[in-house]
């Protein structure tokens, strides 16, 4: 199973059915620098994982290998240092991109976007894999991604694109079967055709998960147990894989409330049952490792152009040219826009909980959402929720809302965040008793009108290390 903070109790109560734990290391990273430009990993959770039984794997999130922008040496060095402590058998990353070059700088999209599936796209991915593996000397596999965009006539088929990259980079493949099922349901290549184009002897790992429908799209939501349909596909596929070494179940912690012991046992027992059939039909299906023909239709887009165009469109930032019809009319782009909006909004709402609650209660949900959209259009995504909160503070100050208590509640929450970073006490001065206001907002109620003009100082003292706060956690991508 995939380990994420918040899943500890569920996993620990099912250790008897877990042979391997896959760790997303960046979910254990946090920042303690007001510049928001460096990370350290959580030593307490790392020690906990060292004590967990069974083998460990690393599934990196945030440094995808499908794009032109390569991760910085400091981040990869920290990833390597973390791996040395937890001794994963191999490491994987996504065949995607999440960073865009713009005006000499870089923009993070907060989302794993599909690379351009052309010969140049293959070259870029091979370079990215070679760079990643040169910095982290572990066996490496890249994950097959979900792609909500419609297939373009200049693209190589999904399976051929993956096969050529794996062969040329001499890489293992992490086959995310739920991603490929989502692609099939949403109108891309069928699972059978995709699998038929792969060098199956390179598939070392499979991911499965649960999903749901939204606006006629099937989303890779990691939202609960896998469907019977996915289990049936998994069983047929596992029989054909001679080198499969792990099947991993992925679920986000927010869905743990719906996961009963009965459902969890069913999920893991099905995986064990299917595992026992691994490789039984390999001799019948055996195929060679020769490179596939990767000459696809010509396209006017270079990888650099594609990343800039799709990256900016994904975060709904203006382009110096009109978006091509093939993207502007693609309903999948709208799904990506929506997912990124909700991810960015959750960063703001989680970090400035009382401030955003006061805004929503006063303005109404619809107008509050419109202001979030306006803010997101005027700013680019941040890796840290704390950094996003700082930018939102500037937006609110410029907007000059005439909302009672807003300025001081914002000052109080931002002071609390800064105290979590530097462990220094701070004071916030009020001209009223803030506790009735804080109490009402904590209960999602509009604060009462306070008539007394009473000086009041609220002292904020260091309480706990910032590693316990989502505001300082590495969250560069919407995980899918």
Protein backbone atom coordinates (compact mmCIF):
# COMPACT_ATOMS: atom_id res chain seq x y z
CA UNK A 1 0.00 0.00 0.00
CA UNK A 2 1.03 3.63 -0.53
CA UNK A 3 1.89 5.36 2.73
CA UNK A 4 0.67 8.92 3.22
CA UNK A 5 0.52 10.85 6.51
CA UNK A 6 -2.91 10.18 7.99
CA UNK A 7 -3.09 6.54 6.90
CA UNK A 8 -1.04 5.16 9.79
CA UNK A 9 -3.89 3.62 11.79
CA UNK A 10 -5.42 1.96 8.72
CA UNK A 11 -2.11 0.50 7.59
CA UNK A 12 -0.95 -0.59 11.02
CA UNK A 13 -4.17 -2.52 11.60
CA UNK A 14 -3.62 -4.43 8.33
CA UNK A 15 0.12 -5.17 8.46
CA UNK A 16 -0.65 -8.89 8.16
CA UNK A 17 -1.82 -8.27 4.59
CA UNK A 18 0.90 -5.77 3.61
CA UNK A 19 4.16 -7.12 2.18
CA UNK A 20 5.51 -3.81 0.86
CA UNK A 21 4.96 -0.16 1.71
CA UNK A 22 5.52 2.51 -0.90
CA UNK A 23 6.45 5.95 0.40
CA UNK A 24 5.89 9.31 -1.27
CA UNK A 25 8.95 10.96 0.30
CA UNK A 26 7.99 14.55 -0.47
CA UNK A 27 4.84 14.18 1.65
CA UNK A 28 7.28 13.96 4.59
CA UNK A 29 9.16 17.10 3.59
CA UNK A 30 8.55 20.52 5.09
CA UNK A 31 9.97 24.00 4.95
CA UNK A 32 11.24 26.08 7.83
CA UNK A 33 12.54 29.09 6.01
CA UNK A 34 10.65 32.33 5.35
CA UNK A 35 12.10 32.31 1.83
CA UNK A 36 10.24 29.06 1.08
CA UNK A 37 13.11 27.77 -1.03
CA UNK A 38 14.46 24.72 0.79
CA UNK A 39 13.21 21.59 2.51
CA UNK A 40 14.07 19.10 5.21
CA UNK A 41 12.33 15.80 5.89
CA UNK A 42 10.30 14.94 8.94
CA UNK A 43 12.56 12.84 11.22
CA UNK A 44 9.71 11.52 13.39
CA UNK A 45 7.68 10.08 10.53
CA UNK A 46 10.86 8.80 8.90
CA UNK A 47 11.72 6.88 12.09
CA UNK A 48 8.18 5.51 12.19
CA UNK A 49 8.56 4.20 8.63
CA UNK A 50 11.93 2.66 9.48
CA UNK A 51 10.11 0.60 12.10
CA UNK A 52 7.35 -0.54 9.74
CA UNK A 53 7.75 -4.18 8.67
CA UNK A 54 8.29 -5.34 5.12
CA UNK A 55 10.07 -3.92 2.11
CA UNK A 56 9.97 -0.22 1.19
CA UNK A 57 9.68 1.55 -2.14
CA UNK A 58 9.98 5.25 -3.00
CA UNK A 59 7.44 6.95 -5.27
CA UNK A 60 8.66 10.50 -5.86
CA UNK A 61 6.04 13.19 -6.48
CA UNK A 62 7.13 16.59 -7.68
CA UNK A 63 10.16 15.88 -9.88
CA UNK A 64 8.58 14.30 -13.00
CA UNK A 65 10.83 13.10 -15.80
CA UNK A 66 8.65 13.90 -18.81
CA UNK A 67 9.51 17.59 -19.18
CA UNK A 68 12.36 19.88 -20.18
CA UNK A 69 12.82 21.46 -16.74
CA UNK A 70 15.00 19.23 -14.59
CA UNK A 71 14.80 19.24 -10.77
CA UNK A 72 17.44 21.14 -8.84
CA UNK A 73 20.47 19.36 -7.40
CA UNK A 74 19.51 20.28 -3.82
CA UNK A 75 16.10 18.61 -4.08
CA UNK A 76 17.52 15.45 -5.63
CA UNK A 77 20.27 15.39 -3.01
CA UNK A 78 17.65 15.51 -0.26
CA UNK A 79 15.68 12.77 -2.01
CA UNK A 80 18.83 10.63 -2.12
CA UNK A 81 19.59 11.34 1.55
CA UNK A 82 16.06 10.32 2.49
CA UNK A 83 16.36 7.13 0.45
CA UNK A 84 19.58 6.19 2.26
CA UNK A 85 17.67 6.20 5.55
CA UNK A 86 14.69 4.15 4.37
CA UNK A 87 16.50 1.83 1.90
CA UNK A 88 13.84 1.50 -0.83
CA UNK A 89 14.34 -1.33 -3.30
CA UNK A 90 13.68 1.06 -6.18
CA UNK A 91 12.40 4.56 -6.86
CA UNK A 92 9.80 5.80 -9.33
CA UNK A 93 8.66 9.12 -10.78
CA UNK A 94 5.94 10.31 -13.14
CA UNK A 95 6.20 10.53 -16.91
CA UNK A 96 4.75 14.04 -16.81
CA UNK A 97 5.79 17.67 -16.41
CA UNK A 98 4.73 20.26 -13.84
CA UNK A 99 7.10 23.18 -14.42
CA UNK A 100 7.04 25.74 -17.23
CA UNK A 101 9.72 28.15 -18.41
CA UNK A 102 8.44 31.74 -18.55
CA UNK A 103 10.33 35.03 -18.98
CA UNK A 104 13.58 33.55 -17.71
CA UNK A 105 11.90 32.03 -14.66
CA UNK A 106 9.92 28.93 -13.77
CA UNK A 107 6.22 28.44 -13.05
CA UNK A 108 4.96 25.43 -11.10
CA UNK A 109 1.55 24.28 -12.28
CA UNK A 110 0.50 22.33 -9.14
CA UNK A 111 -0.48 19.52 -11.51
CA UNK A 112 1.16 16.66 -13.38
CA UNK A 113 0.56 17.44 -17.05
CA UNK A 114 0.91 15.07 -20.04
CA UNK A 115 4.08 15.45 -22.14
CA UNK A 116 4.06 15.94 -25.89
CA UNK A 117 3.89 12.44 -27.38
CA UNK A 118 6.26 12.92 -30.31
CA UNK A 119 9.79 11.82 -31.18
CA UNK A 120 11.14 14.97 -29.50
CA UNK A 121 8.98 14.19 -26.47
CA UNK A 122 10.68 10.79 -26.26
CA UNK A 123 14.11 12.44 -26.43
CA UNK A 124 13.19 14.83 -23.61
CA UNK A 125 11.87 12.03 -21.38
CA UNK A 126 14.95 9.84 -21.95
CA UNK A 127 17.15 12.80 -20.99
CA UNK A 128 15.05 13.39 -17.87
CA UNK A 129 15.28 9.76 -16.78
CA UNK A 130 19.03 9.64 -17.38
CA UNK A 131 19.49 12.82 -15.33
CA UNK A 132 17.34 11.52 -12.46
CA UNK A 133 19.12 8.17 -12.29
CA UNK A 134 22.54 9.85 -12.46
CA UNK A 135 21.72 11.65 -9.20
CA UNK A 136 20.00 8.80 -7.35
CA UNK A 137 21.72 5.42 -7.86
CA UNK A 138 18.68 3.17 -7.39
CA UNK A 139 16.75 1.03 -9.86
CA UNK A 140 14.26 3.38 -11.51
CA UNK A 141 10.77 3.07 -12.96
CA UNK A 142 8.60 5.77 -14.52
CA UNK A 143 4.86 5.87 -13.96
CA UNK A 144 2.36 5.85 -16.83
CA UNK A 145 0.16 8.90 -16.33
CA UNK A 146 -3.48 9.84 -16.57
CA UNK A 147 -4.27 12.14 -19.51
CA UNK A 148 -7.60 13.96 -19.50
CA UNK A 149 -6.94 15.57 -22.90
CA UNK A 150 -8.39 14.17 -26.10
CA UNK A 151 -5.99 12.31 -28.35
CA UNK A 152 -4.38 14.64 -30.91
CA UNK A 153 -3.74 13.51 -34.49
CA UNK A 154 -0.03 14.31 -34.20
CA UNK A 155 0.52 12.17 -31.10
CA UNK A 156 2.14 8.78 -30.96
CA UNK A 157 -0.19 6.18 -29.39
CA UNK A 158 0.10 6.16 -25.62
CA UNK A 159 1.56 2.64 -25.43
CA UNK A 160 4.13 3.18 -28.16
CA UNK A 161 5.28 6.40 -26.51
CA UNK A 162 5.83 4.60 -23.19
CA UNK A 163 7.50 1.61 -24.86
CA UNK A 164 10.04 3.68 -26.76
CA UNK A 165 11.02 5.68 -23.69
CA UNK A 166 11.45 2.54 -21.58
CA UNK A 167 13.56 0.85 -24.24
CA UNK A 168 15.78 3.83 -25.04
CA UNK A 169 16.30 4.82 -21.39
CA UNK A 170 16.68 1.16 -20.34
CA UNK A 171 14.07 1.91 -17.68
CA UNK A 172 11.56 -0.12 -15.73
CA UNK A 173 7.86 0.74 -15.99
CA UNK A 174 5.45 1.47 -13.17
CA UNK A 175 2.14 0.67 -14.85
CA UNK A 176 -0.58 2.69 -13.12
CA UNK A 177 -3.49 0.54 -14.22
CA UNK A 178 -6.08 2.89 -12.78
CA UNK A 179 -4.61 5.76 -14.82
CA UNK A 180 -4.79 3.67 -17.98
CA UNK A 181 -8.37 2.64 -17.20
CA UNK A 182 -9.29 6.32 -16.72
CA UNK A 183 -7.67 7.10 -20.09
CA UNK A 184 -9.72 4.36 -21.76
CA UNK A 185 -13.00 5.48 -20.18
CA UNK A 186 -12.30 9.09 -21.17
CA UNK A 187 -11.74 8.18 -24.82
CA UNK A 188 -8.02 7.63 -25.23
CA UNK A 189 -6.29 4.33 -26.06
CA UNK A 190 -7.90 1.11 -24.84
CA UNK A 191 -6.15 -0.83 -22.08
CA UNK A 192 -5.71 -3.87 -24.30
CA UNK A 193 -4.09 -1.87 -27.10
CA UNK A 194 -1.92 0.05 -24.63
CA UNK A 195 -0.64 -3.12 -22.98
CA UNK A 196 -0.07 -4.85 -26.34
CA UNK A 197 2.47 -2.15 -27.24
CA UNK A 198 4.53 -2.41 -24.05
CA UNK A 199 7.71 -4.41 -23.40
CA UNK A 200 5.99 -6.34 -20.61
CA UNK A 201 9.26 -7.67 -19.21
CA UNK A 202 9.98 -4.09 -18.06
CA UNK A 203 6.83 -3.75 -15.94
CA UNK A 204 8.06 -4.12 -12.35
CA UNK A 205 5.15 -2.50 -10.50
CA UNK A 206 1.44 -1.81 -10.81
CA UNK A 207 -0.67 0.85 -9.09
CA UNK A 208 -4.39 0.40 -8.53
CA UNK A 209 -6.87 2.74 -6.89
CA UNK A 210 -10.48 3.88 -6.86
CA UNK A 211 -12.01 6.75 -8.80
CA UNK A 212 -15.26 8.54 -9.57
CA UNK A 213 -17.12 10.38 -12.31
CA UNK A 214 -17.25 14.17 -12.50
CA UNK A 215 -18.79 16.15 -15.38
CA UNK A 216 -18.77 13.05 -17.61
CA UNK A 217 -15.09 12.38 -16.90
CA UNK A 218 -13.72 9.50 -14.88
CA UNK A 219 -11.16 10.88 -12.43
CA UNK A 220 -8.19 9.13 -10.91
CA UNK A 221 -9.32 10.21 -7.46
CA UNK A 222 -7.60 7.62 -5.20
CA UNK A 223 -10.97 7.71 -3.48
CA UNK A 224 -11.49 4.20 -2.09
CA UNK A 225 -11.30 0.54 -3.00
CA UNK A 226 -10.82 -0.59 -6.57
CA UNK A 227 -13.77 -1.53 -8.76
CA UNK A 228 -14.52 -5.11 -9.77
CA UNK A 229 -13.79 -4.04 -13.35
CA UNK A 230 -10.27 -2.97 -12.38
CA UNK A 231 -9.66 -6.20 -10.46
CA UNK A 232 -10.68 -8.21 -13.55
CA UNK A 233 -8.30 -6.21 -15.74
CA UNK A 234 -5.53 -6.60 -13.16
CA UNK A 235 -5.99 -10.36 -13.04
CA UNK A 236 -5.73 -10.72 -16.83
CA UNK A 237 -2.66 -8.49 -16.95
CA UNK A 238 -0.73 -10.01 -14.02
CA UNK A 239 -0.74 -13.39 -15.77
CA UNK A 240 1.33 -11.82 -18.58
CA UNK A 241 4.00 -10.11 -16.45
CA UNK A 242 7.16 -12.13 -15.76
CA UNK A 243 9.06 -9.44 -13.82
CA UNK A 244 6.30 -7.93 -11.69
CA UNK A 245 7.55 -7.30 -8.15
CA UNK A 246 4.83 -5.20 -6.49
CA UNK A 247 1.15 -4.31 -6.70
CA UNK A 248 0.39 -1.11 -4.79
CA UNK A 249 -2.98 0.19 -3.60
CA UNK A 250 -3.29 3.98 -3.49
CA UNK A 251 -5.81 5.92 -1.40
CA UNK A 252 -5.86 9.49 -0.09
CA UNK A 253 -6.26 10.00 3.68
CA UNK A 254 -9.45 12.07 3.26
CA UNK A 255 -11.31 8.90 2.24
CA UNK A 256 -10.28 6.88 5.29
CA UNK A 257 -13.60 7.62 7.01
CA UNK A 258 -15.38 5.47 4.40
CA UNK A 259 -12.90 2.58 4.57
CA UNK A 260 -14.19 -0.16 6.86
CA UNK A 261 -12.11 -3.15 7.94
CA UNK A 262 -14.27 -5.31 5.69
CA UNK A 263 -13.57 -3.16 2.61
CA UNK A 264 -9.85 -2.93 3.36
CA UNK A 265 -9.57 -6.68 3.86
CA UNK A 266 -11.41 -7.27 0.59
CA UNK A 267 -9.05 -4.89 -1.28
CA UNK A 268 -5.85 -6.49 0.01
CA UNK A 269 -7.09 -10.10 -0.16
CA UNK A 270 -8.06 -9.62 -3.81
CA UNK A 271 -4.57 -8.30 -4.51
CA UNK A 272 -3.00 -11.34 -2.83
CA UNK A 273 -5.22 -13.71 -4.80
CA UNK A 274 -4.32 -12.07 -8.08
CA UNK A 275 -0.62 -11.90 -7.21
CA UNK A 276 -0.48 -15.68 -7.00
CA UNK A 277 -1.20 -15.86 -10.76
CA UNK A 278 1.77 -13.68 -11.72
CA UNK A 279 3.49 -14.56 -15.00
CA UNK A 280 1.51 -17.75 -15.73
CA UNK A 281 0.91 -16.80 -19.37
CA UNK A 282 4.25 -15.15 -20.07
CA UNK A 283 5.54 -17.89 -22.35
CA UNK A 284 2.49 -17.52 -24.56
CA UNK A 285 2.73 -13.73 -24.65
CA UNK A 286 6.50 -13.33 -24.74
CA UNK A 287 7.79 -10.49 -26.88
CA UNK A 288 11.18 -8.97 -27.58
CA UNK A 289 12.79 -5.78 -26.42
CA UNK A 290 13.41 -4.26 -29.81
CA UNK A 291 12.73 -0.54 -30.15
CA UNK A 292 9.34 0.30 -31.63
CA UNK A 293 8.88 2.49 -34.68
CA UNK A 294 8.41 5.96 -33.16
CA UNK A 295 7.91 8.02 -36.29
CA UNK A 296 4.57 9.74 -35.76
CA UNK A 297 2.66 12.42 -37.68
CA UNK A 298 4.33 15.82 -37.93
CA UNK A 299 3.31 18.60 -35.54
CA UNK A 300 3.99 22.31 -35.44
CA UNK A 301 4.63 22.15 -31.70
CA UNK A 302 8.03 21.73 -30.12
CA UNK A 303 8.17 20.31 -26.59
CA UNK A 304 9.08 23.77 -25.29
CA UNK A 305 6.04 25.32 -26.99
CA UNK A 306 3.74 22.51 -25.81
CA UNK A 307 4.83 22.82 -22.19
CA UNK A 308 4.49 26.61 -22.21
CA UNK A 309 1.11 26.53 -23.93
CA UNK A 310 -0.45 23.71 -21.91
CA UNK A 311 1.13 24.82 -18.63
CA UNK A 312 -0.17 28.38 -18.90
CA UNK A 313 -3.60 27.22 -20.12
CA UNK A 314 -3.82 24.72 -17.24
CA UNK A 315 -3.42 27.47 -14.62
CA UNK A 316 -5.60 29.82 -16.69
CA UNK A 317 -2.88 32.38 -17.32
CA UNK A 318 -3.01 34.51 -20.46
CA UNK A 319 -0.91 33.58 -23.48
CA UNK A 320 0.69 35.98 -26.01
CA UNK A 321 -1.23 34.10 -28.73
CA UNK A 322 -4.62 32.50 -29.15
CA UNK A 323 -4.91 29.00 -27.73
CA UNK A 324 -5.26 26.46 -30.57
CA UNK A 325 -8.76 25.11 -31.12
CA UNK A 326 -7.57 21.58 -30.33
CA UNK A 327 -6.91 22.71 -26.76
CA UNK A 328 -9.43 25.52 -26.28
CA UNK A 329 -12.29 23.16 -27.16
CA UNK A 330 -10.89 20.19 -25.26
CA UNK A 331 -13.20 19.46 -22.31
CA UNK A 332 -10.30 17.69 -20.64
CA UNK A 333 -8.53 21.04 -20.24
CA UNK A 334 -11.54 22.34 -18.35
CA UNK A 335 -11.30 19.35 -16.01
CA UNK A 336 -7.61 20.14 -15.42
CA UNK A 337 -8.49 23.81 -14.76
CA UNK A 338 -11.07 22.74 -12.21
CA UNK A 339 -8.78 20.29 -10.44
CA UNK A 340 -5.99 22.86 -10.19
CA UNK A 341 -8.43 25.49 -8.89
CA UNK A 342 -9.66 23.20 -6.13
CA UNK A 343 -6.10 22.19 -5.21
CA UNK A 344 -4.93 25.81 -4.99
CA UNK A 345 -8.08 26.83 -3.12
CA UNK A 346 -7.56 24.05 -0.58
CA UNK A 347 -4.04 25.38 0.10
CA UNK A 348 -5.43 28.84 0.88
CA UNK A 349 -8.43 27.65 2.88
CA UNK A 350 -6.37 25.19 4.93
CA UNK A 351 -3.71 27.76 5.77
CA UNK A 352 -5.91 30.82 6.36
CA UNK A 353 -8.87 28.95 7.75
CA UNK A 354 -10.46 31.73 9.80
CA UNK A 355 -9.77 34.48 7.25
CA UNK A 356 -11.29 32.54 4.36
CA UNK A 357 -14.21 31.43 6.51
CA UNK A 358 -15.01 35.07 7.35
CA UNK A 359 -14.79 35.98 3.66
CA UNK A 360 -17.08 33.13 2.62
CA UNK A 361 -19.64 33.82 5.35
CA UNK A 362 -19.73 37.53 4.47
CA UNK A 363 -19.51 37.41 0.68
CA UNK A 364 -21.24 34.08 0.05
CA UNK A 365 -19.65 31.00 -1.48
CA UNK A 366 -20.09 32.09 -5.11
CA UNK A 367 -18.54 35.55 -4.74
CA UNK A 368 -15.77 34.15 -2.54
CA UNK A 369 -14.93 31.63 -5.28
CA UNK A 370 -14.87 34.43 -7.85
CA UNK A 371 -12.30 36.29 -5.76
CA UNK A 372 -10.19 33.14 -5.51
CA UNK A 373 -10.31 32.79 -9.30
CA UNK A 374 -9.31 36.43 -9.70
CA UNK A 375 -6.41 35.91 -7.32
CA UNK A 376 -5.24 32.75 -9.10
CA UNK A 377 -5.29 34.48 -12.50
CA UNK A 378 -3.13 37.27 -11.07
CA UNK A 379 -0.59 34.91 -9.46
CA UNK A 380 1.14 31.65 -10.24
CA UNK A 381 0.91 28.48 -8.13
CA UNK A 382 3.19 27.92 -5.15
CA UNK A 383 4.80 24.74 -3.86
CA UNK A 384 4.08 25.72 -0.25
CA UNK A 385 0.68 26.66 1.15
CA UNK A 386 2.48 29.21 3.35
CA UNK A 387 3.86 30.98 0.28
CA UNK A 388 0.40 30.97 -1.32
CA UNK A 389 -1.01 32.49 1.88
CA UNK A 390 1.55 35.29 1.74
CA UNK A 391 0.49 36.10 -1.82
CA UNK A 392 -3.19 35.97 -0.84
CA UNK A 393 -2.50 38.37 2.02
CA UNK A 394 -1.18 40.88 -0.53
CA UNK A 395 -4.25 40.35 -2.69
CA UNK A 396 -6.61 41.03 0.23
CA UNK A 397 -4.71 44.14 1.23
CA UNK A 398 -4.94 45.50 -2.32
CA UNK A 399 -8.63 44.60 -2.59
CA UNK A 400 -9.31 46.69 0.55
CA UNK A 401 -12.41 44.79 1.68
CA UNK A 402 -14.60 46.67 4.16
CA UNK A 403 -15.39 43.56 6.20
CA UNK A 404 -15.49 43.83 10.00
CA UNK A 405 -12.64 42.00 11.74
CA UNK A 406 -11.04 40.83 8.47
CA UNK A 407 -7.79 42.80 8.75
CA UNK A 408 -7.03 41.67 12.28
CA UNK A 409 -8.02 38.04 11.74
CA UNK A 410 -5.68 37.94 8.72
CA UNK A 411 -2.90 39.59 10.75
CA UNK A 412 -3.43 37.06 13.54
CA UNK A 413 -3.28 34.02 11.22
CA UNK A 414 -0.22 35.28 9.33
CA UNK A 415 1.56 36.07 12.62
CA UNK A 416 0.80 32.52 13.78
CA UNK A 417 2.34 31.11 10.59
CA UNK A 418 5.49 33.21 10.97
CA UNK A 419 5.83 32.10 14.60
CA UNK A 420 5.67 28.49 13.45
CA UNK A 421 8.62 29.19 11.16
CA UNK A 422 10.97 31.06 13.47
CA UNK A 423 9.70 29.97 16.93
CA UNK A 424 9.53 33.61 18.04
CA UNK A 425 6.65 35.02 20.06
CA UNK A 426 4.49 37.72 18.48
CA UNK A 427 1.70 40.01 19.63
CA UNK A 428 -1.35 41.18 17.73
CA UNK A 429 -3.22 44.23 19.02
CA UNK A 430 -7.01 44.42 18.78
CA UNK A 431 -9.44 47.18 19.72
CA UNK A 432 -11.95 44.56 20.83
CA UNK A 433 -11.96 41.21 22.62
CA UNK A 434 -11.11 38.80 19.77
CA UNK A 435 -12.27 35.61 21.47
CA UNK A 436 -15.99 35.88 20.59
CA UNK A 437 -14.95 36.48 16.97
CA UNK A 438 -12.53 33.55 16.92
CA UNK A 439 -15.11 31.32 18.61
CA UNK A 440 -17.81 32.17 16.07
CA UNK A 441 -15.50 31.60 13.09
CA UNK A 442 -14.33 28.29 14.55
CA UNK A 443 -18.00 27.25 14.55
CA UNK A 444 -18.47 28.51 10.96
CA UNK A 445 -20.72 31.33 12.15
CA UNK A 446 -20.62 35.06 11.42
CA UNK A 447 -19.08 36.90 14.38
CA UNK A 448 -21.36 39.02 16.60
CA UNK A 449 -21.23 42.79 16.39
CA UNK A 450 -18.99 44.08 19.17
CA UNK A 451 -19.68 47.57 20.43
CA UNK A 452 -16.95 47.95 23.04
CA UNK A 453 -13.75 49.66 22.03
CA UNK A 454 -11.47 47.71 24.36
CA UNK A 455 -7.69 47.41 23.81
CA UNK A 456 -6.69 43.78 23.73
CA UNK A 457 -3.34 42.13 22.99
CA UNK A 458 -3.20 38.52 21.85
CA UNK A 459 0.20 36.92 22.34
CA UNK A 460 1.22 34.11 19.99
CA UNK A 461 3.82 31.75 21.42
CA UNK A 462 5.71 28.90 19.76
CA UNK A 463 3.77 25.73 20.31
CA UNK A 464 4.86 22.98 17.94
CA UNK A 465 7.26 22.46 15.10
CA UNK A 466 5.99 23.57 11.69
CA UNK A 467 6.45 20.05 10.32
CA UNK A 468 3.01 19.28 11.79
CA UNK A 469 1.34 21.90 9.61
CA UNK A 470 0.17 21.41 6.04
CA UNK A 471 1.07 25.06 5.46
CA UNK A 472 4.76 24.16 5.31
CA UNK A 473 4.55 20.75 3.65
CA UNK A 474 5.88 20.05 0.16
CA UNK A 475 2.80 20.03 -2.09
CA UNK A 476 3.96 20.84 -5.57
CA UNK A 477 1.42 18.73 -7.43
CA UNK A 478 -2.16 17.69 -7.35
CA UNK A 479 -1.58 13.99 -6.89
CA UNK A 480 -3.22 11.80 -9.50
